[in-house]
Amino acid sequence: MAEFLLVAAGLVLLTAMVALARALRRRAAADRMMAAQLLCTAGVAALLLLAVATGTPSIVDVALVLALLAAFASIAFVLAARGLGER
């Protein structure tokens, strides 16, 4: 079972890298932000799979922190795009 989860984590990261490479070719800032969100989501999924596969519960904490940072990055991007971050 652990081998299957590790392979699944690797496939999640592989597909995220392919999608990220494609998304980063675009010039728009929103496209780049979506690429960063995709990478963070895939990173959280891979970390959670890794935590279950290895039985290390502290990896779940790392995944939760990464998800929280991704949410704050999205909020900061929206505020900067609206011009509200310059007070």
N, C-alpha and C. Protein backbone atom coordinates (compact mmCIF):
# COMPACT_ATOMS: atom_id res chain seq x y z
N MET A 1 0.81 -1.20 0.00
CA MET A 1 0.00 0.00 0.00
C MET A 1 0.86 1.26 0.00
N ALA A 2 1.95 1.23 0.76
CA ALA A 2 2.81 2.41 0.84
C ALA A 2 3.45 2.71 -0.51
N GLU A 3 3.81 1.69 -1.25
CA GLU A 3 4.42 1.90 -2.56
C GLU A 3 3.44 2.57 -3.50
N PHE A 4 2.18 2.13 -3.44
CA PHE A 4 1.15 2.73 -4.29
C PHE A 4 0.98 4.22 -3.98
N LEU A 5 0.96 4.56 -2.69
CA LEU A 5 0.80 5.96 -2.30
C LEU A 5 2.00 6.81 -2.72
N LEU A 6 3.19 6.24 -2.64
CA LEU A 6 4.37 6.99 -3.08
C LEU A 6 4.36 7.21 -4.59
N VAL A 7 3.92 6.21 -5.34
CA VAL A 7 3.80 6.38 -6.79
C VAL A 7 2.74 7.42 -7.12
N ALA A 8 1.63 7.38 -6.38
CA ALA A 8 0.57 8.37 -6.60
C ALA A 8 1.06 9.78 -6.31
N ALA A 9 1.85 9.93 -5.25
CA ALA A 9 2.41 11.25 -4.93
C ALA A 9 3.35 11.72 -6.04
N GLY A 10 4.15 10.82 -6.56
CA GLY A 10 5.04 11.17 -7.67
C GLY A 10 4.27 11.57 -8.92
N LEU A 11 3.18 10.87 -9.21
CA LEU A 11 2.36 11.21 -10.38
C LEU A 11 1.67 12.56 -10.20
N VAL A 12 1.23 12.84 -8.99
CA VAL A 12 0.62 14.15 -8.73
C VAL A 12 1.63 15.26 -8.99
N LEU A 13 2.84 15.09 -8.51
CA LEU A 13 3.87 16.10 -8.73
C LEU A 13 4.27 16.19 -10.20
N LEU A 14 4.32 15.07 -10.88
CA LEU A 14 4.67 15.08 -12.31
C LEU A 14 3.63 15.84 -13.13
N THR A 15 2.36 15.56 -12.89
CA THR A 15 1.32 16.26 -13.64
C THR A 15 1.28 17.74 -13.28
N ALA A 16 1.59 18.07 -12.03
CA ALA A 16 1.63 19.48 -11.64
C ALA A 16 2.78 20.20 -12.34
N MET A 17 3.91 19.56 -12.48
CA MET A 17 5.04 20.18 -13.15
C MET A 17 4.75 20.41 -14.64
N VAL A 18 4.08 19.46 -15.27
CA VAL A 18 3.72 19.64 -16.68
C VAL A 18 2.74 20.80 -16.84
N ALA A 19 1.74 20.85 -15.97
CA ALA A 19 0.77 21.94 -16.04
C ALA A 19 1.43 23.27 -15.69
N LEU A 20 2.36 23.25 -14.74
CA LEU A 20 3.04 24.49 -14.35
C LEU A 20 3.91 25.02 -15.48
N ALA A 21 4.61 24.13 -16.16
CA ALA A 21 5.45 24.57 -17.28
C ALA A 21 4.60 25.20 -18.37
N ARG A 22 3.44 24.63 -18.60
CA ARG A 22 2.55 25.19 -19.62
C ARG A 22 1.97 26.53 -19.18
N ALA A 23 1.60 26.64 -17.91
CA ALA A 23 0.97 27.87 -17.43
C ALA A 23 1.97 29.01 -17.32
N LEU A 24 3.21 28.72 -17.02
CA LEU A 24 4.20 29.79 -16.86
C LEU A 24 4.62 30.43 -18.18
N ARG A 25 4.25 29.83 -19.28
CA ARG A 25 4.56 30.44 -20.58
C ARG A 25 3.71 31.67 -20.85
N ARG A 26 2.62 31.79 -20.14
CA ARG A 26 1.73 32.94 -20.35
C ARG A 26 2.29 34.16 -19.62
N ARG A 27 1.95 35.33 -20.11
CA ARG A 27 2.50 36.56 -19.56
C ARG A 27 1.63 37.17 -18.47
N ALA A 28 0.34 36.86 -18.46
CA ALA A 28 -0.58 37.52 -17.53
C ALA A 28 -0.27 37.12 -16.09
N ALA A 29 -0.40 38.09 -15.21
CA ALA A 29 -0.11 37.84 -13.80
C ALA A 29 -1.11 36.85 -13.20
N ALA A 30 -2.35 36.92 -13.64
CA ALA A 30 -3.35 35.99 -13.11
C ALA A 30 -3.02 34.55 -13.50
N ASP A 31 -2.51 34.35 -14.70
CA ASP A 31 -2.12 33.00 -15.12
C ASP A 31 -0.97 32.48 -14.28
N ARG A 32 -0.05 33.35 -13.97
CA ARG A 32 1.08 32.93 -13.13
C ARG A 32 0.62 32.62 -11.70
N MET A 33 -0.32 33.38 -11.20
CA MET A 33 -0.84 33.11 -9.86
C MET A 33 -1.59 31.80 -9.83
N MET A 34 -2.34 31.52 -10.87
CA MET A 34 -3.03 30.23 -10.94
C MET A 34 -2.04 29.07 -11.02
N ALA A 35 -0.93 29.29 -11.70
CA ALA A 35 0.11 28.26 -11.75
C ALA A 35 0.71 28.02 -10.37
N ALA A 36 0.92 29.09 -9.63
CA ALA A 36 1.44 28.93 -8.26
C ALA A 36 0.43 28.21 -7.38
N GLN A 37 -0.84 28.52 -7.54
CA GLN A 37 -1.88 27.83 -6.77
C GLN A 37 -1.94 26.35 -7.13
N LEU A 38 -1.77 26.05 -8.40
CA LEU A 38 -1.75 24.66 -8.83
C LEU A 38 -0.58 23.91 -8.20
N LEU A 39 0.56 24.54 -8.17
CA LEU A 39 1.74 23.90 -7.58
C LEU A 39 1.54 23.69 -6.08
N CYS A 40 0.97 24.66 -5.40
CA CYS A 40 0.72 24.51 -3.96
C CYS A 40 -0.30 23.41 -3.69
N THR A 41 -1.34 23.34 -4.48
CA THR A 41 -2.35 22.30 -4.29
C THR A 41 -1.76 20.93 -4.52
N ALA A 42 -0.96 20.80 -5.56
CA ALA A 42 -0.32 19.51 -5.83
C ALA A 42 0.69 19.17 -4.74
N GLY A 43 1.38 20.17 -4.24
CA GLY A 43 2.32 19.93 -3.15
C GLY A 43 1.64 19.45 -1.89
N VAL A 44 0.49 20.04 -1.58
CA VAL A 44 -0.27 19.61 -0.41
C VAL A 44 -0.74 18.17 -0.60
N ALA A 45 -1.25 17.86 -1.79
CA ALA A 45 -1.72 16.50 -2.05
C ALA A 45 -0.58 15.50 -1.95
N ALA A 46 0.57 15.83 -2.51
CA ALA A 46 1.72 14.92 -2.45
C ALA A 46 2.22 14.75 -1.03
N LEU A 47 2.24 15.85 -0.27
CA LEU A 47 2.68 15.74 1.13
C LEU A 47 1.73 14.89 1.96
N LEU A 48 0.44 15.02 1.72
CA LEU A 48 -0.52 14.21 2.46
C LEU A 48 -0.39 12.73 2.10
N LEU A 49 -0.17 12.45 0.83
CA LEU A 49 0.05 11.05 0.42
C LEU A 49 1.34 10.51 1.04
N LEU A 50 2.34 11.33 1.07
CA LEU A 50 3.61 10.93 1.67
C LEU A 50 3.46 10.68 3.17
N ALA A 51 2.67 11.51 3.84
CA ALA A 51 2.45 11.34 5.28
C ALA A 51 1.77 10.01 5.58
N VAL A 52 0.79 9.66 4.77
CA VAL A 52 0.08 8.40 4.98
C VAL A 52 0.99 7.22 4.62
N ALA A 53 1.76 7.36 3.56
CA ALA A 53 2.62 6.25 3.12
C ALA A 53 3.73 5.96 4.11
N THR A 54 4.29 6.99 4.72
CA THR A 54 5.40 6.78 5.64
C THR A 54 4.97 6.70 7.09
N GLY A 55 3.74 7.08 7.38
CA GLY A 55 3.26 7.06 8.75
C GLY A 55 3.86 8.15 9.61
N THR A 56 4.21 9.26 8.99
CA THR A 56 4.80 10.40 9.70
C THR A 56 3.75 11.50 9.81
N PRO A 57 3.14 11.66 10.98
CA PRO A 57 2.08 12.66 11.09
C PRO A 57 2.57 14.11 11.02
N SER A 58 3.83 14.35 11.23
CA SER A 58 4.31 15.74 11.17
C SER A 58 4.31 16.29 9.75
N ILE A 59 4.31 15.42 8.76
CA ILE A 59 4.24 15.89 7.37
C ILE A 59 2.87 16.52 7.09
N VAL A 60 1.85 16.07 7.80
CA VAL A 60 0.52 16.67 7.65
C VAL A 60 0.56 18.13 8.09
N ASP A 61 1.31 18.42 9.14
CA ASP A 61 1.44 19.81 9.59
C ASP A 61 2.11 20.67 8.52
N VAL A 62 3.11 20.14 7.86
CA VAL A 62 3.78 20.88 6.79
C VAL A 62 2.81 21.14 5.64
N ALA A 63 2.00 20.14 5.31
CA ALA A 63 1.02 20.31 4.24
C ALA A 63 -0.01 21.37 4.60
N LEU A 64 -0.44 21.40 5.86
CA LEU A 64 -1.40 22.40 6.28
C LEU A 64 -0.82 23.81 6.24
N VAL A 65 0.44 23.96 6.61
CA VAL A 65 1.09 25.26 6.54
C VAL A 65 1.22 25.71 5.08
N LEU A 66 1.55 24.79 4.20
CA LEU A 66 1.65 25.12 2.77
C LEU A 66 0.30 25.56 2.22
N ALA A 67 -0.77 24.89 2.63
CA ALA A 67 -2.10 25.28 2.18
C ALA A 67 -2.47 26.66 2.71
N LEU A 68 -2.10 26.95 3.95
CA LEU A 68 -2.38 28.26 4.53
C LEU A 68 -1.59 29.36 3.82
N LEU A 69 -0.34 29.08 3.51
CA LEU A 69 0.46 30.07 2.78
C LEU A 69 -0.10 30.32 1.38
N ALA A 70 -0.60 29.28 0.74
CA ALA A 70 -1.20 29.45 -0.58
C ALA A 70 -2.44 30.33 -0.52
N ALA A 71 -3.23 30.14 0.53
CA ALA A 71 -4.43 30.98 0.69
C ALA A 71 -4.05 32.44 0.92
N PHE A 72 -3.04 32.68 1.76
CA PHE A 72 -2.60 34.05 1.99
C PHE A 72 -1.99 34.67 0.73
N ALA A 73 -1.32 33.87 -0.07
CA ALA A 73 -0.75 34.37 -1.32
C ALA A 73 -1.86 34.80 -2.28
N SER A 74 -2.94 34.05 -2.32
CA SER A 74 -4.07 34.42 -3.17
C SER A 74 -4.70 35.73 -2.71
N ILE A 75 -4.86 35.87 -1.41
CA ILE A 75 -5.43 37.10 -0.87
C ILE A 75 -4.53 38.29 -1.18
N ALA A 76 -3.24 38.12 -1.01
CA ALA A 76 -2.30 39.20 -1.31
C ALA A 76 -2.32 39.56 -2.78
N PHE A 77 -2.45 38.58 -3.65
CA PHE A 77 -2.50 38.85 -5.08
C PHE A 77 -3.74 39.65 -5.44
N VAL A 78 -4.88 39.27 -4.88
CA VAL A 78 -6.12 39.99 -5.18
C VAL A 78 -6.05 41.42 -4.65
N LEU A 79 -5.54 41.60 -3.45
CA LEU A 79 -5.42 42.96 -2.90
C LEU A 79 -4.45 43.80 -3.73
N ALA A 80 -3.36 43.20 -4.18
CA ALA A 80 -2.42 43.96 -4.99
C ALA A 80 -3.01 44.29 -6.36
N ALA A 81 -3.80 43.39 -6.90
CA ALA A 81 -4.41 43.63 -8.21
C ALA A 81 -5.45 44.74 -8.13
N ARG A 82 -6.12 44.84 -7.02
CA ARG A 82 -7.11 45.89 -6.85
C ARG A 82 -6.49 47.21 -6.39
N GLY A 83 -5.24 47.15 -5.97
CA GLY A 83 -4.57 48.36 -5.50
C GLY A 83 -4.86 48.66 -4.05
N LEU A 84 -5.38 47.69 -3.31
CA LEU A 84 -5.72 47.91 -1.92
C LEU A 84 -4.55 47.64 -0.99
N GLY A 85 -3.50 47.04 -1.50
CA GLY A 85 -2.37 46.72 -0.65
C GLY A 85 -1.45 47.89 -0.37
N GLU A 86 -1.72 49.04 -0.98
CA GLU A 86 -0.85 50.20 -0.85
C GLU A 86 -1.49 51.25 0.04
N ARG A 87 -1.64 50.95 1.30
CA ARG A 87 -2.26 51.92 2.22
C ARG A 87 -1.24 52.55 3.09
